[in-house]
C-alpha atoms as a PDB file:
ATOM      1  CA  MET A   1       6.948 -20.198 -19.601  1.00  0.00           C
ATOM      2  CA  SER A   2       3.992 -18.103 -18.737  1.00  0.00           C
ATOM      3  CA  LYS A   3       0.492 -19.154 -19.667  1.00  0.00           C
ATOM      4  CA  LYS A   4      -1.359 -17.120 -22.240  1.00  0.00           C
ATOM      5  CA  ARG A   5      -4.260 -15.395 -21.047  1.00  0.00           C
ATOM      6  CA  ASP A   6      -7.793 -15.897 -22.599  1.00  0.00           C
ATOM      7  CA  TYR A   7      -9.467 -12.597 -22.752  1.00  0.00           C
ATOM      8  CA  THR A   8     -12.601 -14.197 -24.038  1.00  0.00           C
ATOM      9  CA  ASP A   9     -12.949 -16.132 -20.703  1.00  0.00           C
ATOM     10  CA  PRO A  10     -15.833 -14.404 -18.650  1.00  0.00           C
ATOM     11  CA  LYS A  11     -14.270 -15.841 -15.439  1.00  0.00           C
ATOM     12  CA  MET A  12     -11.134 -13.700 -16.055  1.00  0.00           C
ATOM     13  CA  PHE A  13     -13.281 -10.545 -15.187  1.00  0.00           C
ATOM     14  CA  GLU A  14     -14.775 -11.910 -12.142  1.00  0.00           C
ATOM     15  CA  PRO A  15     -13.875  -9.911  -8.978  1.00  0.00           C
ATOM     16  CA  LEU A  16     -11.362 -11.589  -6.557  1.00  0.00           C
ATOM     17  CA  ASP A  17     -13.027 -10.255  -3.350  1.00  0.00           C
ATOM     18  CA  ALA A  18     -15.828  -7.883  -2.024  1.00  0.00           C
ATOM     19  CA  GLU A  19     -13.596  -4.925  -2.300  1.00  0.00           C
ATOM     20  CA  GLU A  20     -12.789  -5.421  -5.887  1.00  0.00           C
ATOM     21  CA  ALA A  21     -16.359  -6.249  -6.568  1.00  0.00           C
ATOM     22  CA  GLU A  22     -17.324  -2.937  -5.196  1.00  0.00           C
ATOM     23  CA  ILE A  23     -14.892  -1.156  -7.324  1.00  0.00           C
ATOM     24  CA  MET A  24     -16.027  -2.871 -10.510  1.00  0.00           C
ATOM     25  CA  ALA A  25     -19.641  -1.923  -9.700  1.00  0.00           C
ATOM     26  CA  SER A  26     -18.613   1.634  -9.072  1.00  0.00           C
ATOM     27  CA  ARG A  27     -16.956   1.590 -12.411  1.00  0.00           C
ATOM     28  CA  GLU A  28     -19.963   0.176 -14.205  1.00  0.00           C
ATOM     29  CA  ARG A  29     -22.264   2.855 -12.467  1.00  0.00           C
ATOM     30  CA  GLY A  30     -20.188   5.443 -14.229  1.00  0.00           C
ATOM     31  CA  GLU A  31     -18.732   6.961 -11.094  1.00  0.00           C
ATOM     32  CA  TRP A  32     -15.202   6.911 -12.447  1.00  0.00           C
ATOM     33  CA  VAL A  33     -14.228   9.665 -14.792  1.00  0.00           C
ATOM     34  CA  SER A  34     -10.932  10.402 -16.504  1.00  0.00           C
ATOM     35  CA  MET A  35      -8.815  13.170 -15.378  1.00  0.00           C
ATOM     36  CA  ALA A  36      -7.778  16.148 -17.635  1.00  0.00           C
ATOM     37  CA  PRO A  37      -4.159  15.646 -18.986  1.00  0.00           C
ATOM     38  CA  GLU A  38      -2.843  18.558 -16.909  1.00  0.00           C
ATOM     39  CA  GLU A  39      -4.642  17.285 -13.641  1.00  0.00           C
ATOM     40  CA  LEU A  40      -3.346  13.808 -14.440  1.00  0.00           C
ATOM     41  CA  LYS A  41       0.340  15.273 -14.872  1.00  0.00           C
ATOM     42  CA  ARG A  42      -0.087  17.260 -11.573  1.00  0.00           C
ATOM     43  CA  THR A  43      -1.390  14.325  -9.586  1.00  0.00           C
ATOM     44  CA  LYS A  44       1.235  11.903 -10.926  1.00  0.00           C
ATOM     45  CA  LYS A  45       4.027  14.405 -10.090  1.00  0.00           C
ATOM     46  CA  LYS A  46       2.644  14.849  -6.504  1.00  0.00           C
ATOM     47  CA  LEU A  47       2.470  11.012  -5.973  1.00  0.00           C
ATOM     48  CA  GLN A  48       5.924  10.439  -7.208  1.00  0.00           C
ATOM     49  CA  GLU A  49       7.169  13.116  -4.811  1.00  0.00           C
ATOM     50  CA  MET A  50       5.287  11.542  -1.852  1.00  0.00           C
ATOM     51  CA  ALA A  51       6.775   8.150  -2.917  1.00  0.00           C
ATOM     52  CA  ARG A  52      10.339   9.586  -3.003  1.00  0.00           C
ATOM     53  CA  ASN A  53       9.895  11.238   0.322  1.00  0.00           C
ATOM     54  CA  THR A  54       8.502   7.937   1.890  1.00  0.00           C
ATOM     55  CA  LEU A  55      11.617   6.076   0.637  1.00  0.00           C
ATOM     56  CA  LYS A  56      14.126   8.730   1.752  1.00  0.00           C
ATOM     57  CA  LYS A  57      16.313   7.363   4.591  1.00  0.00           C
ATOM     58  CA  SER A  58      18.511  10.167   6.179  1.00  0.00           C
ATOM     59  CA  GLU A  59      18.911   9.146   9.713  1.00  0.00           C
ATOM     60  CA  ARG A  60      19.738   6.013  11.603  1.00  0.00           C
ATOM     61  CA  ALA A  61      18.470   5.089  15.005  1.00  0.00           C
ATOM     62  CA  THR A  62      19.166   2.335  17.407  1.00  0.00           C
ATOM     63  CA  ILE A  63      16.677   1.109  19.912  1.00  0.00           C
ATOM     64  CA  ARG A  64      16.560  -1.842  22.221  1.00  0.00           C
ATOM     65  CA  LEU A  65      13.351  -3.888  22.310  1.00  0.00           C
ATOM     66  CA  ALA A  66      12.228  -6.790  24.433  1.00  0.00           C
ATOM     67  CA  LYS A  67      12.827 -10.084  22.896  1.00  0.00           C
ATOM     68  CA  ALA A  68       9.235 -10.968  22.862  1.00  0.00           C
ATOM     69  CA  ASP A  69       8.196  -7.820  21.187  1.00  0.00           C
ATOM     70  CA  LEU A  70      10.882  -8.081  18.525  1.00  0.00           C
ATOM     71  CA  GLU A  71       9.758 -11.566  17.803  1.00  0.00           C
ATOM     72  CA  GLY A  72       6.122 -10.471  17.500  1.00  0.00           C
ATOM     73  CA  ILE A  73       7.087  -7.667  15.190  1.00  0.00           C
ATOM     74  CA  LYS A  74       9.108 -10.142  12.986  1.00  0.00           C
ATOM     75  CA  MET A  75       5.981 -12.485  12.872  1.00  0.00           C
ATOM     76  CA  MET A  76       3.581  -9.594  11.982  1.00  0.00           C
ATOM     77  CA  ALA A  77       6.021  -8.370   9.307  1.00  0.00           C
ATOM     78  CA  ALA A  78       6.216 -11.775   7.892  1.00  0.00           C
ATOM     79  CA  LYS A  79       2.221 -12.029   7.573  1.00  0.00           C
ATOM     80  CA  GLU A  80       2.331  -8.641   5.787  1.00  0.00           C
ATOM     81  CA  GLY A  81       5.225  -9.747   3.484  1.00  0.00           C
ATOM     82  CA  ILE A  82       7.472  -6.994   4.522  1.00  0.00           C
ATOM     83  CA  GLY A  83      10.737  -6.713   6.405  1.00  0.00           C
ATOM     84  CA  TYR A  84      10.513  -6.194  10.195  1.00  0.00           C
ATOM     85  CA  GLN A  85      12.542  -2.921  10.112  1.00  0.00           C
ATOM     86  CA  THR A  86      10.105  -1.679   7.312  1.00  0.00           C
ATOM     87  CA  LEU A  87       7.251  -2.516   9.739  1.00  0.00           C
ATOM     88  CA  ILE A  88       8.881  -0.574  12.535  1.00  0.00           C
ATOM     89  CA  SER A  89       9.656   2.433  10.412  1.00  0.00           C
ATOM     90  CA  SER A  90       6.117   2.508   9.074  1.00  0.00           C
ATOM     91  CA  LEU A  91       4.635   2.334  12.661  1.00  0.00           C
ATOM     92  CA  ILE A  92       6.790   5.232  13.824  1.00  0.00           C
ATOM     93  CA  HIS A  93       5.939   7.258  10.770  1.00  0.00           C
ATOM     94  CA  LYS A  94       2.125   6.586  11.257  1.00  0.00           C
ATOM     95  CA  TYR A  95       2.488   7.694  14.852  1.00  0.00           C
ATOM     96  CA  VAL A  96       4.383  10.744  14.136  1.00  0.00           C
ATOM     97  CA  THR A  97       2.004  11.710  11.574  1.00  0.00           C
ATOM     98  CA  GLY A  98      -1.038  11.069  13.815  1.00  0.00           C
ATOM     99  CA  GLN A  99      -2.456   8.223  11.775  1.00  0.00           C
ATOM    100  CA  ILE A 100      -1.971   6.161  15.100  1.00  0.00           C
ATOM    101  CA  GLU A 101      -3.182   7.640  18.351  1.00  0.00           C
ATOM    102  CA  THR A 102      -2.199   6.716  21.917  1.00  0.00           C
ATOM    103  CA  SER A 103      -4.714   6.240  24.620  1.00  0.00           C
END
């Protein structure tokens, strides 16, 4: 059974971390504005398409990795709370799209 939330408790609205505190302060300063319904619809459609494209899996690849590298990847993936194959795929995607550069 889940605990009922007390929306009158001021602690419920305290920021969890520095990033959330900045977001809340930005909102309170009036820096956030609502989108027009048409713009919201276009943005939502664009983001949904991006998500679909990200999740598409159309090719399979087999690679050989050093045991130590694979174990390191598995540990990093566990820290991130994702599967190691997802992490490998994400790293490759970031490299191909220029988000990760080589020296």
